[in-house]
C-alpha atoms as a PDB file:
ATOM      1  CA  UNK A   1      33.425 127.212 -42.860  1.00  0.00           C
ATOM      2  CA  UNK A   2      32.411 126.086 -39.358  1.00  0.00           C
ATOM      3  CA  UNK A   3      30.112 128.197 -37.288  1.00  0.00           C
ATOM      4  CA  UNK A   4      30.291 129.025 -33.344  1.00  0.00           C
ATOM      5  CA  UNK A   5      33.054 126.471 -32.942  1.00  0.00           C
ATOM      6  CA  UNK A   6      34.442 126.133 -29.437  1.00  0.00           C
ATOM      7  CA  UNK A   7      37.708 128.100 -29.199  1.00  0.00           C
ATOM      8  CA  UNK A   8      39.401 124.504 -27.326  1.00  0.00           C
ATOM      9  CA  UNK A   9      38.345 122.903 -30.403  1.00  0.00           C
ATOM     10  CA  UNK A  10      39.885 125.194 -33.036  1.00  0.00           C
ATOM     11  CA  UNK A  11      43.005 124.189 -35.078  1.00  0.00           C
ATOM     12  CA  UNK A  12      45.177 125.977 -37.278  1.00  0.00           C
ATOM     13  CA  UNK A  13      43.789 126.006 -40.789  1.00  0.00           C
ATOM     14  CA  UNK A  14      39.874 126.302 -39.469  1.00  0.00           C
ATOM     15  CA  UNK A  15      37.688 128.721 -41.043  1.00  0.00           C
ATOM     16  CA  UNK A  16      35.365 130.148 -38.405  1.00  0.00           C
ATOM     17  CA  UNK A  17      32.123 132.254 -38.252  1.00  0.00           C
ATOM     18  CA  UNK A  18      30.408 132.828 -35.136  1.00  0.00           C
ATOM     19  CA  UNK A  19      29.898 134.767 -31.734  1.00  0.00           C
ATOM     20  CA  UNK A  20      32.298 135.214 -29.287  1.00  0.00           C
ATOM     21  CA  UNK A  21      33.496 137.601 -26.320  1.00  0.00           C
ATOM     22  CA  UNK A  22      35.806 140.286 -27.164  1.00  0.00           C
ATOM     23  CA  UNK A  23      38.111 139.647 -23.968  1.00  0.00           C
ATOM     24  CA  UNK A  24      40.570 142.183 -24.922  1.00  0.00           C
ATOM     25  CA  UNK A  25      40.913 144.766 -27.730  1.00  0.00           C
ATOM     26  CA  UNK A  26      43.768 147.224 -28.444  1.00  0.00           C
ATOM     27  CA  UNK A  27      44.002 149.188 -31.804  1.00  0.00           C
ATOM     28  CA  UNK A  28      47.555 149.743 -32.765  1.00  0.00           C
ATOM     29  CA  UNK A  29      49.332 150.932 -35.732  1.00  0.00           C
ATOM     30  CA  UNK A  30      52.159 148.741 -37.699  1.00  0.00           C
ATOM     31  CA  UNK A  31      55.729 149.971 -38.674  1.00  0.00           C
ATOM     32  CA  UNK A  32      54.018 150.698 -42.278  1.00  0.00           C
ATOM     33  CA  UNK A  33      52.033 152.879 -40.892  1.00  0.00           C
ATOM     34  CA  UNK A  34      48.673 150.589 -41.225  1.00  0.00           C
ATOM     35  CA  UNK A  35      46.252 150.330 -38.450  1.00  0.00           C
ATOM     36  CA  UNK A  36      45.260 146.948 -36.914  1.00  0.00           C
ATOM     37  CA  UNK A  37      43.516 145.550 -33.774  1.00  0.00           C
ATOM     38  CA  UNK A  38      44.953 143.062 -31.526  1.00  0.00           C
ATOM     39  CA  UNK A  39      43.332 141.416 -28.949  1.00  0.00           C
ATOM     40  CA  UNK A  40      41.653 137.987 -27.588  1.00  0.00           C
ATOM     41  CA  UNK A  41      38.581 136.045 -28.196  1.00  0.00           C
ATOM     42  CA  UNK A  42      36.901 133.868 -25.640  1.00  0.00           C
ATOM     43  CA  UNK A  43      34.193 131.394 -24.876  1.00  0.00           C
ATOM     44  CA  UNK A  44      33.343 129.421 -22.072  1.00  0.00           C
ATOM     45  CA  UNK A  45      36.052 126.615 -23.158  1.00  0.00           C
ATOM     46  CA  UNK A  46      39.300 128.990 -23.750  1.00  0.00           C
ATOM     47  CA  UNK A  47      41.015 132.133 -24.982  1.00  0.00           C
ATOM     48  CA  UNK A  48      42.571 133.100 -28.027  1.00  0.00           C
ATOM     49  CA  UNK A  49      44.700 135.756 -29.549  1.00  0.00           C
ATOM     50  CA  UNK A  50      43.083 137.925 -32.190  1.00  0.00           C
ATOM     51  CA  UNK A  51      44.431 139.925 -34.892  1.00  0.00           C
ATOM     52  CA  UNK A  52      42.487 142.408 -37.297  1.00  0.00           C
ATOM     53  CA  UNK A  53      44.863 143.600 -40.093  1.00  0.00           C
ATOM     54  CA  UNK A  54      43.899 146.926 -41.578  1.00  0.00           C
ATOM     55  CA  UNK A  55      41.547 147.919 -39.393  1.00  0.00           C
ATOM     56  CA  UNK A  56      40.255 151.236 -38.564  1.00  0.00           C
ATOM     57  CA  UNK A  57      37.636 150.740 -35.929  1.00  0.00           C
ATOM     58  CA  UNK A  58      35.193 151.067 -34.557  1.00  0.00           C
ATOM     59  CA  UNK A  59      36.040 148.583 -31.910  1.00  0.00           C
ATOM     60  CA  UNK A  60      38.082 149.524 -28.863  1.00  0.00           C
ATOM     61  CA  UNK A  61      39.176 148.585 -25.551  1.00  0.00           C
ATOM     62  CA  UNK A  62      35.778 150.141 -24.250  1.00  0.00           C
ATOM     63  CA  UNK A  63      34.298 147.159 -25.839  1.00  0.00           C
ATOM     64  CA  UNK A  64      35.958 144.695 -24.065  1.00  0.00           C
ATOM     65  CA  UNK A  65      33.564 142.166 -22.397  1.00  0.00           C
ATOM     66  CA  UNK A  66      30.754 142.311 -25.499  1.00  0.00           C
ATOM     67  CA  UNK A  67      29.832 139.822 -27.627  1.00  0.00           C
ATOM     68  CA  UNK A  68      31.048 140.149 -31.346  1.00  0.00           C
ATOM     69  CA  UNK A  69      30.618 138.369 -34.635  1.00  0.00           C
ATOM     70  CA  UNK A  70      33.932 137.322 -36.416  1.00  0.00           C
ATOM     71  CA  UNK A  71      34.681 135.360 -39.645  1.00  0.00           C
ATOM     72  CA  UNK A  72      38.355 134.648 -40.325  1.00  0.00           C
ATOM     73  CA  UNK A  73      40.882 131.810 -40.250  1.00  0.00           C
ATOM     74  CA  UNK A  74      42.829 130.210 -37.253  1.00  0.00           C
ATOM     75  CA  UNK A  75      46.196 130.138 -37.720  1.00  0.00           C
ATOM     76  CA  UNK A  76      49.504 129.886 -35.598  1.00  0.00           C
ATOM     77  CA  UNK A  77      52.115 132.502 -34.162  1.00  0.00           C
ATOM     78  CA  UNK A  78      55.276 131.568 -32.314  1.00  0.00           C
ATOM     79  CA  UNK A  79      53.640 128.419 -31.478  1.00  0.00           C
ATOM     80  CA  UNK A  80      50.611 129.908 -30.211  1.00  0.00           C
ATOM     81  CA  UNK A  81      46.990 129.548 -31.921  1.00  0.00           C
ATOM     82  CA  UNK A  82      45.978 132.813 -33.273  1.00  0.00           C
ATOM     83  CA  UNK A  83      42.577 134.005 -34.829  1.00  0.00           C
ATOM     84  CA  UNK A  84      43.159 136.449 -37.855  1.00  0.00           C
ATOM     85  CA  UNK A  85      39.588 137.993 -38.590  1.00  0.00           C
ATOM     86  CA  UNK A  86      38.557 139.257 -41.971  1.00  0.00           C
ATOM     87  CA  UNK A  87      35.366 140.469 -40.347  1.00  0.00           C
ATOM     88  CA  UNK A  88      34.202 141.528 -37.060  1.00  0.00           C
ATOM     89  CA  UNK A  89      31.550 143.278 -35.571  1.00  0.00           C
ATOM     90  CA  UNK A  90      29.790 143.944 -32.354  1.00  0.00           C
ATOM     91  CA  UNK A  91      26.548 141.894 -31.962  1.00  0.00           C
ATOM     92  CA  UNK A  92      23.387 143.320 -32.248  1.00  0.00           C
ATOM     93  CA  UNK A  93      20.013 142.605 -30.378  1.00  0.00           C
ATOM     94  CA  UNK A  94      18.672 140.471 -33.491  1.00  0.00           C
ATOM     95  CA  UNK A  95      21.681 138.229 -33.494  1.00  0.00           C
ATOM     96  CA  UNK A  96      21.214 134.643 -32.407  1.00  0.00           C
ATOM     97  CA  UNK A  97      23.551 134.834 -29.697  1.00  0.00           C
ATOM     98  CA  UNK A  98      23.804 131.962 -27.093  1.00  0.00           C
ATOM     99  CA  UNK A  99      25.227 133.425 -24.172  1.00  0.00           C
ATOM    100  CA  UNK A 100      25.196 130.239 -22.550  1.00  0.00           C
ATOM    101  CA  UNK A 101      28.099 128.944 -24.945  1.00  0.00           C
ATOM    102  CA  UNK A 102      30.306 131.896 -24.226  1.00  0.00           C
ATOM    103  CA  UNK A 103      30.707 131.737 -20.718  1.00  0.00           C
ATOM    104  CA  UNK A 104      30.830 129.243 -17.699  1.00  0.00           C
ATOM    105  CA  UNK A 105      27.648 128.029 -15.838  1.00  0.00           C
ATOM    106  CA  UNK A 106      27.392 127.132 -12.358  1.00  0.00           C
ATOM    107  CA  UNK A 107      28.444 123.460 -11.458  1.00  0.00           C
ATOM    108  CA  UNK A 108      25.136 122.441  -9.902  1.00  0.00           C
ATOM    109  CA  UNK A 109      22.613 119.707 -10.138  1.00  0.00           C
ATOM    110  CA  UNK A 110      19.842 121.667 -11.498  1.00  0.00           C
ATOM    111  CA  UNK A 111      17.265 118.572 -11.197  1.00  0.00           C
ATOM    112  CA  UNK A 112      18.050 118.218  -7.488  1.00  0.00           C
ATOM    113  CA  UNK A 113      17.913 121.925  -6.810  1.00  0.00           C
ATOM    114  CA  UNK A 114      14.256 121.780  -8.465  1.00  0.00           C
ATOM    115  CA  UNK A 115      13.201 119.104  -6.236  1.00  0.00           C
ATOM    116  CA  UNK A 116      14.379 121.122  -3.422  1.00  0.00           C
ATOM    117  CA  UNK A 117      12.209 123.770  -4.338  1.00  0.00           C
ATOM    118  CA  UNK A 118       9.271 121.702  -5.114  1.00  0.00           C
ATOM    119  CA  UNK A 119       9.582 120.342  -1.556  1.00  0.00           C
ATOM    120  CA  UNK A 120       9.706 123.600   0.001  1.00  0.00           C
ATOM    121  CA  UNK A 121       6.650 124.936  -2.115  1.00  0.00           C
ATOM    122  CA  UNK A 122       4.817 121.575  -0.673  1.00  0.00           C
ATOM    123  CA  UNK A 123       5.619 122.238   2.785  1.00  0.00           C
ATOM    124  CA  UNK A 124       4.064 125.887   2.459  1.00  0.00           C
ATOM    125  CA  UNK A 125       1.168 125.676   5.343  1.00  0.00           C
ATOM    126  CA  UNK A 126      -1.169 128.482   3.446  1.00  0.00           C
ATOM    127  CA  UNK A 127      -3.127 126.366   1.092  1.00  0.00           C
ATOM    128  CA  UNK A 128      -3.531 129.240  -1.236  1.00  0.00           C
ATOM    129  CA  UNK A 129       0.190 130.286  -1.391  1.00  0.00           C
ATOM    130  CA  UNK A 130       0.968 126.486  -1.767  1.00  0.00           C
ATOM    131  CA  UNK A 131      -1.074 126.250  -4.621  1.00  0.00           C
ATOM    132  CA  UNK A 132       0.179 129.303  -6.181  1.00  0.00           C
ATOM    133  CA  UNK A 133       3.966 128.274  -5.401  1.00  0.00           C
ATOM    134  CA  UNK A 134       3.485 124.828  -6.888  1.00  0.00           C
ATOM    135  CA  UNK A 135       1.421 126.194 -10.174  1.00  0.00           C
ATOM    136  CA  UNK A 136       4.586 128.661 -10.574  1.00  0.00           C
ATOM    137  CA  UNK A 137       7.109 126.002 -10.432  1.00  0.00           C
ATOM    138  CA  UNK A 138       4.742 124.002 -12.950  1.00  0.00           C
ATOM    139  CA  UNK A 139       4.359 126.593 -15.161  1.00  0.00           C
ATOM    140  CA  UNK A 140       7.940 128.262 -15.168  1.00  0.00           C
ATOM    141  CA  UNK A 141      10.059 125.467 -13.521  1.00  0.00           C
ATOM    142  CA  UNK A 142      11.928 124.893 -17.039  1.00  0.00           C
ATOM    143  CA  UNK A 143      12.896 128.612 -17.422  1.00  0.00           C
ATOM    144  CA  UNK A 144      13.779 128.894 -13.660  1.00  0.00           C
ATOM    145  CA  UNK A 145      16.039 126.135 -13.859  1.00  0.00           C
ATOM    146  CA  UNK A 146      18.050 127.683 -16.797  1.00  0.00           C
ATOM    147  CA  UNK A 147      18.853 130.918 -14.992  1.00  0.00           C
ATOM    148  CA  UNK A 148      22.327 130.638 -13.771  1.00  0.00           C
ATOM    149  CA  UNK A 149      23.718 132.582 -10.556  1.00  0.00           C
ATOM    150  CA  UNK A 150      26.843 134.550 -10.097  1.00  0.00           C
ATOM    151  CA  UNK A 151      29.491 133.009  -7.756  1.00  0.00           C
ATOM    152  CA  UNK A 152      31.987 135.394  -6.330  1.00  0.00           C
ATOM    153  CA  UNK A 153      32.317 137.412  -9.444  1.00  0.00           C
ATOM    154  CA  UNK A 154      29.547 138.499 -11.491  1.00  0.00           C
ATOM    155  CA  UNK A 155      31.228 137.749 -14.742  1.00  0.00           C
ATOM    156  CA  UNK A 156      32.634 134.599 -13.790  1.00  0.00           C
ATOM    157  CA  UNK A 157      29.408 132.753 -14.282  1.00  0.00           C
ATOM    158  CA  UNK A 158      26.634 133.474 -17.247  1.00  0.00           C
ATOM    159  CA  UNK A 159      24.225 135.761 -15.650  1.00  0.00           C
ATOM    160  CA  UNK A 160      25.502 136.589 -12.378  1.00  0.00           C
ATOM    161  CA  UNK A 161      25.158 140.714 -13.072  1.00  0.00           C
ATOM    162  CA  UNK A 162      21.840 140.029 -15.025  1.00  0.00           C
ATOM    163  CA  UNK A 163      20.283 137.917 -12.524  1.00  0.00           C
ATOM    164  CA  UNK A 164      20.702 140.897 -10.416  1.00  0.00           C
ATOM    165  CA  UNK A 165      18.950 142.984 -13.001  1.00  0.00           C
ATOM    166  CA  UNK A 166      16.175 140.587 -13.043  1.00  0.00           C
ATOM    167  CA  UNK A 167      15.945 141.056  -9.314  1.00  0.00           C
ATOM    168  CA  UNK A 168      15.876 144.715  -9.673  1.00  0.00           C
ATOM    169  CA  UNK A 169      13.208 144.498 -12.391  1.00  0.00           C
ATOM    170  CA  UNK A 170      11.236 142.485  -9.790  1.00  0.00           C
ATOM    171  CA  UNK A 171      11.068 145.181  -7.457  1.00  0.00           C
ATOM    172  CA  UNK A 172      10.367 147.679  -9.837  1.00  0.00           C
ATOM    173  CA  UNK A 173       7.402 145.456 -10.995  1.00  0.00           C
ATOM    174  CA  UNK A 174       6.255 145.329  -7.188  1.00  0.00           C
ATOM    175  CA  UNK A 175       6.406 148.993  -7.054  1.00  0.00           C
ATOM    176  CA  UNK A 176       4.246 149.189 -10.102  1.00  0.00           C
ATOM    177  CA  UNK A 177       1.543 146.950  -8.369  1.00  0.00           C
ATOM    178  CA  UNK A 178       1.528 148.432  -4.973  1.00  0.00           C
ATOM    179  CA  UNK A 179       0.768 151.900  -6.695  1.00  0.00           C
ATOM    180  CA  UNK A 180      -2.679 150.841  -7.967  1.00  0.00           C
ATOM    181  CA  UNK A 181      -5.228 151.986  -5.903  1.00  0.00           C
ATOM    182  CA  UNK A 182      -6.426 149.524  -2.970  1.00  0.00           C
ATOM    183  CA  UNK A 183      -3.053 147.954  -2.775  1.00  0.00           C
ATOM    184  CA  UNK A 184      -0.914 150.663  -1.367  1.00  0.00           C
ATOM    185  CA  UNK A 185       0.452 149.858   2.000  1.00  0.00           C
ATOM    186  CA  UNK A 186       0.282 146.083   1.139  1.00  0.00           C
ATOM    187  CA  UNK A 187       3.076 143.546   0.708  1.00  0.00           C
ATOM    188  CA  UNK A 188       4.250 142.385  -3.106  1.00  0.00           C
ATOM    189  CA  UNK A 189       5.520 138.844  -3.664  1.00  0.00           C
ATOM    190  CA  UNK A 190       7.437 137.914  -6.476  1.00  0.00           C
ATOM    191  CA  UNK A 191       5.712 134.890  -8.202  1.00  0.00           C
ATOM    192  CA  UNK A 192       7.828 133.815 -11.436  1.00  0.00           C
ATOM    193  CA  UNK A 193       9.578 134.487 -14.540  1.00  0.00           C
ATOM    194  CA  UNK A 194       8.800 133.837 -18.017  1.00  0.00           C
ATOM    195  CA  UNK A 195      10.262 134.648 -21.271  1.00  0.00           C
ATOM    196  CA  UNK A 196      13.435 136.017 -19.705  1.00  0.00           C
ATOM    197  CA  UNK A 197      16.055 137.009 -22.280  1.00  0.00           C
ATOM    198  CA  UNK A 198      19.604 138.173 -21.806  1.00  0.00           C
ATOM    199  CA  UNK A 199      20.635 140.171 -24.634  1.00  0.00           C
ATOM    200  CA  UNK A 200      24.082 141.605 -23.833  1.00  0.00           C
ATOM    201  CA  UNK A 201      26.952 141.859 -21.094  1.00  0.00           C
ATOM    202  CA  UNK A 202      26.430 144.387 -18.325  1.00  0.00           C
ATOM    203  CA  UNK A 203      29.495 145.653 -16.610  1.00  0.00           C
ATOM    204  CA  UNK A 204      29.929 147.327 -13.212  1.00  0.00           C
ATOM    205  CA  UNK A 205      29.661 150.933 -13.735  1.00  0.00           C
ATOM    206  CA  UNK A 206      27.053 150.639 -16.499  1.00  0.00           C
ATOM    207  CA  UNK A 207      23.802 152.956 -16.121  1.00  0.00           C
ATOM    208  CA  UNK A 208      20.769 150.709 -16.185  1.00  0.00           C
ATOM    209  CA  UNK A 209      17.198 151.791 -17.035  1.00  0.00           C
ATOM    210  CA  UNK A 210      14.414 149.593 -15.664  1.00  0.00           C
ATOM    211  CA  UNK A 211      10.960 149.796 -16.455  1.00  0.00           C
ATOM    212  CA  UNK A 212       8.100 147.550 -15.674  1.00  0.00           C
ATOM    213  CA  UNK A 213       4.495 147.793 -17.206  1.00  0.00           C
ATOM    214  CA  UNK A 214       1.676 146.235 -15.957  1.00  0.00           C
ATOM    215  CA  UNK A 215       0.153 144.281 -18.830  1.00  0.00           C
ATOM    216  CA  UNK A 216      -2.405 141.933 -17.214  1.00  0.00           C
ATOM    217  CA  UNK A 217      -3.877 141.871 -13.931  1.00  0.00           C
ATOM    218  CA  UNK A 218      -6.534 139.435 -12.384  1.00  0.00           C
ATOM    219  CA  UNK A 219      -7.388 140.137  -8.744  1.00  0.00           C
ATOM    220  CA  UNK A 220      -4.312 140.396  -6.681  1.00  0.00           C
ATOM    221  CA  UNK A 221      -1.976 138.628  -9.370  1.00  0.00           C
ATOM    222  CA  UNK A 222      -0.458 140.750 -11.988  1.00  0.00           C
ATOM    223  CA  UNK A 223       2.054 140.300 -14.932  1.00  0.00           C
ATOM    224  CA  UNK A 224       4.478 142.835 -15.967  1.00  0.00           C
ATOM    225  CA  UNK A 225       6.708 143.462 -18.826  1.00  0.00           C
ATOM    226  CA  UNK A 226      10.068 144.464 -17.833  1.00  0.00           C
ATOM    227  CA  UNK A 227      13.150 145.782 -19.595  1.00  0.00           C
ATOM    228  CA  UNK A 228      16.555 146.798 -18.463  1.00  0.00           C
ATOM    229  CA  UNK A 229      18.518 148.671 -21.032  1.00  0.00           C
ATOM    230  CA  UNK A 230      22.022 150.350 -21.077  1.00  0.00           C
ATOM    231  CA  UNK A 231      22.349 153.296 -23.073  1.00  0.00           C
ATOM    232  CA  UNK A 232      19.259 152.543 -25.004  1.00  0.00           C
ATOM    233  CA  UNK A 233      20.260 149.057 -25.983  1.00  0.00           C
ATOM    234  CA  UNK A 234      17.904 146.223 -24.363  1.00  0.00           C
ATOM    235  CA  UNK A 235      20.188 144.031 -21.895  1.00  0.00           C
ATOM    236  CA  UNK A 236      17.551 141.676 -20.569  1.00  0.00           C
ATOM    237  CA  UNK A 237      13.725 141.589 -20.681  1.00  0.00           C
ATOM    238  CA  UNK A 238      11.221 139.179 -18.993  1.00  0.00           C
ATOM    239  CA  UNK A 239       7.773 138.648 -18.048  1.00  0.00           C
ATOM    240  CA  UNK A 240       7.246 138.782 -14.228  1.00  0.00           C
ATOM    241  CA  UNK A 241       4.382 137.619 -11.991  1.00  0.00           C
ATOM    242  CA  UNK A 242       3.587 139.400  -8.982  1.00  0.00           C
ATOM    243  CA  UNK A 243       1.018 138.841  -5.981  1.00  0.00           C
ATOM    244  CA  UNK A 244      -0.328 141.240  -3.410  1.00  0.00           C
ATOM    245  CA  UNK A 245      -0.608 140.044  -0.134  1.00  0.00           C
END
């Protein structure tokens, strides 16, 4: 049994268990009257046809784009590789899903981009803001470098839509800070991200609930615990740092 093997490396006869994106899902009924599921699995390396025999649910087309855990065997049908799953279920929050292995990441030089950010921070003329920016990059640079961005389509690159969620959470956190007596009417600045976790795919049309609780504050600097949920399920969480100026 191999675990989380890349789709482009799978060959007929492989026994696989792991997490993949349910690219398509179509429940059907065979000629003998037995239900089955046909569809496709995908990761950042490719796509493979999926079959689940004697399957009564609950996965349907409404679950396309979500992460599933499968266990089964790679076969071949009419010259095309096909994954036959003995077990399949939707991934849950506690599962150790590495979303970066499932969708492509932006083709940029993260090291060079971080150097550009450090130079930009060093060029800030105000000494207090410069010190804060440099401290944030020192403390959270690794996390920042790992946060991917969208290109033209949100789901074409990891975190495209989820990054928008984090930006929205930052705005919620700023509103929370500015609601504190003494800060009303001032400007909130986003300082950094820590412990940022993306838990599930979010698709256009999903209704997000954004919450941010200020858990620590020292002077004009505060840290908020922010969460984004869809239908009660956690989609993203992070600790966000703000400064009031």
